[in-house]
Amino acid sequence: MSGIEKLDAFERVPTDAAAAALLPERVRKAGTLVVVMNAASAPDEFYANDNKTIIGLNADLGRAIGRVLGTPVQIQDVQFDGIIPGLSAQRFDMAIASMAATNPRLLVLDMIRYGEWGSSIAVAAGNPLKLTAENLCGHKVAVQQASIQADKRLPELSAKHCESAGKPKIEPVVLPSQNDAVLQLGSGRVDAVYADTPVLAYAAVQAPDKLELGSELNRGAVAIGLPKGGDLTQAVQAAMKVLMASPTYGEIFAKWGLAAAVTAEPSLEVPVP
C-alpha cells in the first residue's frame, strides 16, 4: 500500500487515562475492541489494494479511538443490514458505519455523533435525462439496503414529488452496498443513485466521465452505534471528546476529503419528536 492507502495505526495518539478508565472490564479481558462497518463505501470504509486491509474515514476513526482508550482495535466488515442486529446481540462492540441517527435506530442503539453530512443524487455524466430530486418519478433509483435513503429519504421524495401529484412512484433498486449502486449507474441499469454525499462525491472524482453529483439534501448527524444502554458508551464518548480536542480528528476528515463534515461535539443522540 502507498499514499492514501497506507495504513495509519495512529501510534502518535496517546492513551488518555481518564477515558481508558471507563473501558469495561470485559473489553480489557478480551484484549481488543471489535469495530464493524460495511467496507464497500469509499471514502468512508473500503478495502485497500491488498483486498485485506479496511481503510477510510471510519476505519481511521475506529483505530484512533482505540489508541485513546489504550486497546487494540479489530475492524470487521459486516453487511450493512446485519450491523444493528449484531450490535443488539452483542456479537461485536460498536459500529462506525456512517449511520444516521434515526428514531427507529435510537430505540435500539446508543448513538454518538462523530460527523455531519447528507444525501445526494448522482446521475449519469452530463445528466442526459435531466434528473433532479424533484423529477425522479417513474425512474429506477439505486439505494443501499437498510440505509436511510432506502428506508426514509427515497420514500419521502416519492411521496412529496410523485404520489401527491398523481405521478408514478420512484422505483427503488435496493442493493447490498453503495458501491454496488454506483456500479449499476455506470452500467446504465439504473437512472440515478441516492446515497451518502461523501460516497457519491468520491465516486464522481474517480469516474467523472460516468457520473455527476447533484446538490446535497437532508444534512444531519452521522453517529457511532453501540448496544442500547451498554457498558461501552461512556468510554467511547469520552474518547471522542479527547480525539475532537486534538488535531488528529480534523486531520482524519481532511485526509479523506471530508473537512466540511466535522462536528463540534460527540453528543449522545436523542429521538426527534
Protein backbone atom coordinates (compact mmCIF):
# COMPACT_ATOMS: atom_id res chain seq x y z
CA MET A 1 0.00 0.00 0.00
CA SER A 2 1.14 3.54 -0.62
CA GLY A 3 -0.10 7.09 -0.38
CA ILE A 4 -3.62 7.46 0.95
CA GLU A 5 -3.98 3.68 1.25
CA LYS A 6 -1.10 3.30 3.69
CA LEU A 7 -2.46 2.00 6.99
CA ASP A 8 -2.31 4.57 9.79
CA ALA A 9 -2.05 2.89 13.21
CA PHE A 10 -2.18 6.28 14.97
CA GLU A 11 0.79 5.49 17.18
CA ARG A 12 1.18 9.26 17.71
CA VAL A 13 -2.13 9.35 19.62
CA PRO A 14 -1.53 8.86 23.35
CA THR A 15 -3.79 6.90 25.66
CA ASP A 16 -6.00 9.14 27.76
CA ALA A 17 -6.03 7.79 31.32
CA ALA A 18 -9.46 9.18 32.21
CA ALA A 19 -11.14 7.79 29.08
CA ALA A 20 -9.33 4.45 29.39
CA ALA A 21 -10.51 4.10 32.98
CA LEU A 22 -14.09 3.96 31.67
CA LEU A 23 -13.39 0.92 29.49
CA PRO A 24 -15.44 -2.09 30.66
CA GLU A 25 -13.54 -4.96 32.26
CA ARG A 26 -14.91 -7.38 29.65
CA VAL A 27 -13.14 -5.40 26.89
CA ARG A 28 -9.91 -5.36 28.88
CA LYS A 29 -10.10 -9.14 29.28
CA ALA A 30 -10.93 -9.65 25.61
CA GLY A 31 -7.87 -7.61 24.71
CA THR A 32 -9.47 -6.00 21.68
CA LEU A 33 -12.30 -3.68 20.69
CA VAL A 34 -14.34 -5.06 17.79
CA VAL A 35 -15.48 -2.25 15.48
CA VAL A 36 -17.66 -3.05 12.46
CA MET A 37 -18.56 -1.29 9.24
CA ASN A 38 -19.71 -2.24 5.74
CA ALA A 39 -16.45 -1.94 3.82
CA ALA A 40 -17.95 -1.07 0.44
CA SER A 41 -18.36 2.70 0.57
CA ALA A 42 -15.23 4.69 -0.28
CA PRO A 43 -14.05 7.01 1.19
CA ASP A 44 -15.91 6.11 4.39
CA GLU A 45 -14.79 2.47 4.55
CA PHE A 46 -13.34 0.22 1.86
CA TYR A 47 -10.63 -2.31 1.13
CA ALA A 48 -7.14 -1.16 0.22
CA ASN A 49 -5.43 -2.55 -2.87
CA ASP A 50 -4.31 -5.60 -0.90
CA ASN A 51 -8.01 -6.60 -0.59
CA LYS A 52 -7.42 -7.36 3.10
CA THR A 53 -6.97 -4.07 4.94
CA ILE A 54 -10.03 -1.91 5.64
CA ILE A 55 -9.23 1.77 5.30
CA GLY A 56 -11.17 5.03 5.05
CA LEU A 57 -12.60 7.68 7.34
CA ASN A 58 -14.48 5.30 9.62
CA ALA A 59 -11.63 2.81 9.89
CA ASP A 60 -9.25 5.62 10.82
CA LEU A 61 -11.63 6.90 13.48
CA GLY A 62 -12.01 3.40 14.93
CA ARG A 63 -8.26 2.90 15.19
CA ALA A 64 -7.75 6.37 16.70
CA ILE A 65 -10.46 5.72 19.32
CA GLY A 66 -8.68 2.51 20.25
CA ARG A 67 -5.45 4.43 20.79
CA VAL A 68 -7.19 6.92 23.09
CA LEU A 69 -8.67 4.03 25.07
CA GLY A 70 -5.40 2.10 25.12
CA THR A 71 -6.80 -1.02 23.50
CA PRO A 72 -6.17 -2.74 20.15
CA VAL A 73 -8.98 -2.45 17.61
CA GLN A 74 -10.18 -5.15 15.25
CA ILE A 75 -12.01 -3.75 12.21
CA GLN A 76 -14.57 -6.16 10.74
CA ASP A 77 -16.59 -5.98 7.54
CA VAL A 78 -20.30 -6.62 8.15
CA GLN A 79 -23.19 -6.33 5.70
CA PHE A 80 -24.98 -3.08 6.49
CA ASP A 81 -28.34 -4.67 7.33
CA GLY A 82 -26.57 -7.01 9.77
CA ILE A 83 -24.95 -4.28 11.84
CA ILE A 84 -27.84 -3.36 14.13
CA PRO A 85 -28.93 -6.97 14.82
CA GLY A 86 -25.30 -7.83 15.54
CA LEU A 87 -24.93 -4.94 17.98
CA SER A 88 -28.18 -5.85 19.72
CA ALA A 89 -26.97 -9.45 20.07
CA GLN A 90 -23.59 -8.16 21.34
CA ARG A 91 -21.66 -10.03 18.65
CA PHE A 92 -19.39 -7.00 18.35
CA ASP A 93 -18.71 -3.88 20.37
CA MET A 94 -19.54 -0.91 18.19
CA ALA A 95 -20.17 0.27 14.65
CA ILE A 96 -18.70 3.24 12.84
CA ALA A 97 -20.63 2.89 9.62
CA SER A 98 -21.90 6.35 8.59
CA MET A 99 -25.25 5.64 10.25
CA ALA A 100 -27.77 8.45 10.52
CA ALA A 101 -29.28 8.81 13.98
CA THR A 102 -32.88 7.98 13.06
CA ASN A 103 -35.61 7.49 15.64
CA PRO A 104 -36.02 3.73 14.91
CA ARG A 105 -32.28 3.18 15.36
CA LEU A 106 -32.27 5.19 18.58
CA LEU A 107 -34.85 2.81 20.03
CA VAL A 108 -32.28 0.01 19.99
CA LEU A 109 -28.91 1.79 19.94
CA ASP A 110 -26.88 4.38 21.78
CA MET A 111 -25.57 6.71 19.07
CA ILE A 112 -22.68 9.16 19.45
CA ARG A 113 -22.33 11.90 16.85
CA TYR A 114 -18.97 11.96 15.07
CA GLY A 115 -19.68 13.91 11.88
CA GLU A 116 -22.33 15.56 9.74
CA TRP A 117 -23.34 15.11 6.11
CA GLY A 118 -26.37 14.44 3.98
CA SER A 119 -27.58 12.50 0.97
CA SER A 120 -27.15 13.34 -2.70
CA ILE A 121 -28.49 12.20 -6.04
CA ALA A 122 -25.95 11.04 -8.62
CA VAL A 123 -26.83 10.72 -12.29
CA ALA A 124 -25.02 9.73 -15.46
CA ALA A 125 -22.39 12.21 -16.61
CA GLY A 126 -23.98 15.07 -18.49
CA ASN A 127 -27.34 14.20 -16.91
CA PRO A 128 -28.94 13.14 -20.22
CA LEU A 129 -32.32 12.52 -18.54
CA LYS A 130 -32.21 15.96 -16.85
CA LEU A 131 -32.96 14.40 -13.47
CA THR A 132 -33.19 16.24 -10.18
CA ALA A 133 -34.51 15.26 -6.77
CA GLU A 134 -37.88 16.69 -7.84
CA ASN A 135 -38.46 14.71 -11.06
CA LEU A 136 -37.43 11.11 -10.37
CA CYS A 137 -41.00 9.82 -10.73
CA GLY A 138 -41.11 6.51 -12.58
CA HIS A 139 -37.31 6.25 -12.69
CA LYS A 140 -35.12 3.50 -11.25
CA VAL A 141 -33.05 4.82 -8.34
CA ALA A 142 -30.44 2.65 -6.65
CA VAL A 143 -30.15 2.71 -2.84
CA GLN A 144 -28.30 0.61 -0.28
CA GLN A 145 -30.27 -1.97 1.65
CA ALA A 146 -31.22 -0.82 5.18
CA SER A 147 -29.81 2.67 4.55
CA ILE A 148 -31.61 5.87 5.49
CA GLN A 149 -32.03 6.56 1.77
CA ALA A 150 -33.84 3.24 1.25
CA ASP A 151 -35.89 3.33 4.44
CA LYS A 152 -36.79 7.01 4.64
CA ARG A 153 -35.35 9.53 2.19
CA LEU A 154 -36.38 7.94 -1.13
CA PRO A 155 -39.95 7.18 0.04
CA GLU A 156 -40.18 10.80 1.22
CA LEU A 157 -39.09 12.11 -2.20
CA SER A 158 -41.55 9.83 -3.96
CA ALA A 159 -44.46 10.82 -1.74
CA LYS A 160 -43.70 14.55 -2.00
CA HIS A 161 -42.96 14.93 -5.69
CA CYS A 162 -44.69 11.96 -7.32
CA GLU A 163 -47.55 10.27 -5.46
CA SER A 164 -49.01 13.56 -4.19
CA ALA A 165 -49.18 14.77 -7.80
CA GLY A 166 -50.64 11.53 -9.18
CA LYS A 167 -47.38 10.59 -10.92
CA PRO A 168 -45.70 7.16 -10.93
CA LYS A 169 -43.72 6.28 -7.83
CA ILE A 170 -39.94 6.34 -7.84
CA GLU A 171 -38.80 2.75 -8.40
CA PRO A 172 -36.20 1.81 -5.76
CA VAL A 173 -33.49 -0.67 -6.74
CA VAL A 174 -32.21 -1.96 -3.41
CA LEU A 175 -28.62 -3.24 -3.44
CA PRO A 176 -26.17 -4.61 -0.85
CA SER A 177 -23.82 -1.61 -0.88
CA GLN A 178 -23.47 1.96 -2.07
CA ASN A 179 -20.61 0.85 -4.31
CA ASP A 180 -22.99 -1.61 -5.99
CA ALA A 181 -25.40 1.26 -6.57
CA VAL A 182 -22.71 3.37 -8.22
CA LEU A 183 -21.72 0.44 -10.46
CA GLN A 184 -25.33 -0.02 -11.57
CA LEU A 185 -25.50 3.63 -12.56
CA GLY A 186 -22.28 3.35 -14.52
CA SER A 187 -23.63 0.35 -16.43
CA GLY A 188 -26.95 2.04 -17.18
CA ARG A 189 -29.07 -0.41 -15.15
CA VAL A 190 -30.49 2.45 -13.06
CA ASP A 191 -31.21 6.09 -13.81
CA ALA A 192 -29.83 7.56 -10.58
CA VAL A 193 -28.29 6.73 -7.22
CA TYR A 194 -29.39 8.15 -3.87
CA ALA A 195 -26.63 7.72 -1.29
CA ASP A 196 -24.39 9.43 1.26
CA THR A 197 -22.82 12.58 -0.16
CA PRO A 198 -19.18 11.58 0.66
CA VAL A 199 -19.54 8.27 -1.20
CA LEU A 200 -21.01 9.87 -4.32
CA ALA A 201 -18.59 12.81 -4.25
CA TYR A 202 -15.66 10.37 -4.10
CA ALA A 203 -17.12 8.27 -6.92
CA ALA A 204 -17.64 11.36 -9.08
CA VAL A 205 -13.99 12.35 -8.65
CA GLN A 206 -12.85 8.81 -9.51
CA ALA A 207 -15.06 8.49 -12.60
CA PRO A 208 -16.08 11.96 -13.86
CA ASP A 209 -16.88 10.50 -17.27
CA LYS A 210 -19.52 8.20 -15.79
CA LEU A 211 -21.43 10.15 -13.15
CA GLU A 212 -22.02 13.58 -11.72
CA LEU A 213 -23.25 14.75 -8.36
CA GLY A 214 -26.32 16.84 -7.56
CA SER A 215 -26.91 19.08 -4.56
CA GLU A 216 -26.84 17.74 -1.00
CA LEU A 217 -30.13 17.06 0.80
CA ASN A 218 -31.03 16.41 4.43
CA ARG A 219 -27.67 17.16 6.04
CA GLY A 220 -27.57 15.72 9.53
CA ALA A 221 -25.63 13.76 12.11
CA VAL A 222 -23.79 10.52 11.47
CA ALA A 223 -23.15 8.53 14.59
CA ILE A 224 -21.30 5.64 16.18
CA GLY A 225 -23.68 2.83 17.11
CA LEU A 226 -23.46 0.85 20.34
CA PRO A 227 -25.82 -1.52 22.15
CA LYS A 228 -28.59 0.42 23.89
CA GLY A 229 -27.69 1.24 27.49
CA GLY A 230 -24.47 -0.74 27.14
CA ASP A 231 -21.32 -0.56 29.21
CA LEU A 232 -19.11 0.90 26.47
CA THR A 233 -20.99 4.07 25.55
CA GLN A 234 -19.46 6.29 28.21
CA ALA A 235 -15.90 5.27 27.32
CA VAL A 236 -16.40 5.81 23.58
CA GLN A 237 -17.99 9.21 24.09
CA ALA A 238 -15.10 10.24 26.35
CA ALA A 239 -12.60 9.01 23.74
CA MET A 240 -14.33 11.01 21.01
CA LYS A 241 -14.16 14.15 23.16
CA VAL A 242 -10.42 13.66 23.57
CA LEU A 243 -9.99 13.00 19.86
CA MET A 244 -12.03 16.05 18.84
CA ALA A 245 -9.90 18.26 21.05
CA SER A 246 -6.77 17.12 19.23
CA PRO A 247 -5.56 17.87 15.68
CA THR A 248 -5.97 14.21 14.75
CA TYR A 249 -9.76 14.42 14.41
CA GLY A 250 -9.68 17.17 11.78
CA GLU A 251 -6.71 15.58 10.04
CA ILE A 252 -8.61 12.31 9.56
CA PHE A 253 -11.56 14.07 7.92
CA ALA A 254 -9.32 16.22 5.74
CA LYS A 255 -7.33 13.17 4.60
CA TRP A 256 -10.47 11.68 3.05
CA GLY A 257 -11.72 14.94 1.51
CA LEU A 258 -14.33 15.44 4.23
CA ALA A 259 -13.06 18.54 6.04
CA ALA A 260 -16.56 20.07 5.85
CA ALA A 261 -18.11 17.05 7.58
CA VAL A 262 -16.64 17.56 11.06
CA THR A 263 -18.91 18.22 14.03
CA ALA A 264 -18.44 20.24 17.21
CA GLU A 265 -19.42 17.78 19.94
CA PRO A 266 -19.71 14.00 20.26
CA SER A 267 -23.24 14.33 21.58
CA LEU A 268 -25.34 11.34 22.56
CA GLU A 269 -28.20 11.48 20.08
CA VAL A 270 -31.83 11.56 21.24
CA PRO A 271 -35.03 10.87 19.27
CA VAL A 272 -36.57 13.81 17.44
CA PRO A 273 -40.26 14.36 18.37
